[in-house]
Amino acid sequence: MREFKRTDRVADQLQQELATLIQREIKDPRLGMVTVSAVKVSRDLGYADIYITLLGENDATRIDENLKVLRHARGFLRSQIANRVKLRHVPELRFHYDESVVRGQRLSSLIDEAVADDRRRHEDDEDEVR
């Protein structure tokens, strides 16, 4: 059995190329600091779902604006990928906002709060015993 599926290798290559292209080639001033966090390619290589995050921006209107810019540039990005990556057919690009980073930060802060609260309670219990 093969270690890596072809779709995984294509997804990794697309992620690298898209990260470079978005950073260096798209000159739209509305575009923020975009990071390509993941790429998932369909089995038939017809579609590539690109998940992005925005550095320091969690505002819904800014997220929508950045997604609109990327969706508008998808034809350009696809043609650039066709020039850089050897594929018979370059997948259609579909951009999505990756909420996992924001969700992870929120969960981490909740855990930190719970731990701090537990410590306070434990210290209060020890003070009562003394």
Protein backbone atom coordinates (compact mmCIF):
# COMPACT_ATOMS: atom_id res chain seq x y z
CA MET A 1 0.00 0.00 0.00
CA ARG A 2 1.24 3.48 -0.83
CA GLU A 3 2.23 5.73 2.00
CA PHE A 4 0.74 8.93 0.58
CA LYS A 5 -2.25 9.23 -1.71
CA ARG A 6 -1.90 11.29 -4.86
CA THR A 7 -4.61 13.67 -3.68
CA ASP A 8 -2.56 14.37 -0.54
CA ARG A 9 0.56 15.12 -2.58
CA VAL A 10 -1.39 17.39 -4.93
CA ALA A 11 -2.99 19.15 -1.95
CA ASP A 12 0.41 19.79 -0.36
CA GLN A 13 1.80 21.17 -3.61
CA LEU A 14 -1.25 23.39 -4.11
CA GLN A 15 -0.96 24.69 -0.54
CA GLN A 16 2.66 25.71 -1.08
CA GLU A 17 2.02 27.33 -4.45
CA LEU A 18 -1.13 29.16 -3.32
CA ALA A 19 0.58 30.53 -0.22
CA THR A 20 3.34 31.98 -2.39
CA LEU A 21 0.99 33.29 -5.08
CA ILE A 22 -1.42 34.95 -2.64
CA GLN A 23 1.40 36.63 -0.79
CA ARG A 24 3.40 37.81 -3.81
CA GLU A 25 1.11 38.11 -6.80
CA ILE A 26 -2.26 39.40 -5.61
CA LYS A 27 -1.94 43.16 -5.27
CA ASP A 28 -5.44 43.96 -4.02
CA PRO A 29 -5.19 46.38 -1.05
CA ARG A 30 -8.30 44.83 0.55
CA LEU A 31 -6.47 41.55 1.04
CA GLY A 32 -5.07 41.12 4.54
CA MET A 33 -2.39 38.78 5.83
CA VAL A 34 -3.80 35.52 4.48
CA THR A 35 -2.43 32.13 5.48
CA VAL A 36 -3.37 28.97 3.62
CA SER A 37 -3.96 26.60 6.52
CA ALA A 38 -5.12 23.53 4.58
CA VAL A 39 -6.05 22.26 1.13
CA LYS A 40 -8.32 19.29 0.51
CA VAL A 41 -8.54 17.91 -3.00
CA SER A 42 -11.44 15.78 -4.22
CA ARG A 43 -10.69 12.21 -5.32
CA ASP A 44 -11.11 13.05 -9.00
CA LEU A 45 -8.94 16.20 -8.62
CA GLY A 46 -11.88 18.27 -9.87
CA TYR A 47 -12.09 20.56 -6.84
CA ALA A 48 -9.70 21.89 -4.25
CA ASP A 49 -11.13 23.32 -1.04
CA ILE A 50 -8.68 25.92 0.26
CA TYR A 51 -8.95 26.87 3.92
CA ILE A 52 -7.51 30.24 4.92
CA THR A 53 -6.93 32.14 8.13
CA LEU A 54 -6.38 35.87 8.59
CA LEU A 55 -3.65 37.14 10.84
CA GLY A 56 -5.15 39.26 13.61
CA GLU A 57 -8.53 39.70 11.93
CA ASN A 58 -11.62 37.88 13.16
CA ASP A 59 -14.21 40.40 12.04
CA ALA A 60 -16.88 38.76 9.86
CA THR A 61 -16.97 41.63 7.35
CA ARG A 62 -13.16 41.51 6.87
CA ILE A 63 -13.29 37.75 6.46
CA ASP A 64 -16.02 38.05 3.80
CA GLU A 65 -14.10 40.81 2.03
CA ASN A 66 -10.92 38.71 1.90
CA LEU A 67 -12.85 35.68 0.64
CA LYS A 68 -14.44 37.83 -2.11
CA VAL A 69 -11.00 39.04 -3.22
CA LEU A 70 -9.68 35.47 -3.36
CA ARG A 71 -12.76 34.18 -5.17
CA HIS A 72 -12.39 37.00 -7.69
CA ALA A 73 -8.72 36.06 -8.23
CA ARG A 74 -9.31 32.31 -8.48
CA GLY A 75 -9.01 32.29 -12.29
CA PHE A 76 -5.66 34.06 -12.11
CA LEU A 77 -4.48 31.75 -9.33
CA ARG A 78 -5.58 28.68 -11.25
CA SER A 79 -3.73 29.77 -14.41
CA GLN A 80 -0.59 30.47 -12.37
CA ILE A 81 -0.82 27.02 -10.78
CA ALA A 82 -1.20 25.47 -14.23
CA ASN A 83 2.11 27.10 -15.20
CA ARG A 84 3.92 25.97 -12.04
CA VAL A 85 2.53 22.50 -11.27
CA LYS A 86 2.48 19.64 -13.75
CA LEU A 87 -1.13 18.47 -13.72
CA ARG A 88 -3.35 17.45 -16.60
CA HIS A 89 -6.26 19.27 -15.04
CA VAL A 90 -5.94 21.99 -12.42
CA PRO A 91 -8.75 21.68 -9.86
CA GLU A 92 -11.39 24.35 -9.42
CA LEU A 93 -10.47 26.46 -6.39
CA ARG A 94 -13.01 26.95 -3.60
CA PHE A 95 -12.01 29.23 -0.74
CA HIS A 96 -13.27 28.82 2.84
CA TYR A 97 -12.44 30.50 6.12
CA ASP A 98 -10.79 28.12 8.60
CA GLU A 99 -12.37 28.68 12.00
CA SER A 100 -10.35 25.99 13.75
CA VAL A 101 -7.62 28.42 14.84
CA VAL A 102 -10.10 30.83 16.41
CA ARG A 103 -11.98 27.93 17.99
CA GLY A 104 -8.71 26.53 19.36
CA GLN A 105 -7.76 29.89 20.88
CA ARG A 106 -11.19 30.18 22.50
CA LEU A 107 -10.95 26.66 23.94
CA SER A 108 -7.44 27.34 25.20
CA SER A 109 -8.56 30.50 26.99
CA LEU A 110 -11.50 28.61 28.54
CA ILE A 111 -9.13 25.92 29.80
CA ASP A 112 -6.79 28.58 31.23
CA GLU A 113 -9.72 30.22 33.02
CA ALA A 114 -10.88 26.88 34.45
CA VAL A 115 -7.38 26.03 35.69
CA ALA A 116 -6.97 29.47 37.31
CA ASP A 117 -10.39 29.16 38.95
CA ASP A 118 -9.54 25.69 40.23
CA ARG A 119 -6.26 26.97 41.70
CA ARG A 120 -8.07 29.79 43.47
CA ARG A 121 -10.58 27.38 44.94
CA HIS A 122 -7.84 25.03 46.02
CA GLU A 123 -5.92 27.88 47.69
CA ASP A 124 -9.10 29.05 49.46
CA ASP A 125 -9.69 25.51 50.75
CA GLU A 126 -6.12 25.31 52.07
CA ASP A 127 -6.49 28.70 53.80
CA GLU A 128 -9.65 27.49 55.59
CA VAL A 129 -7.86 24.37 56.84
CA ARG A 130 -5.07 26.46 58.42
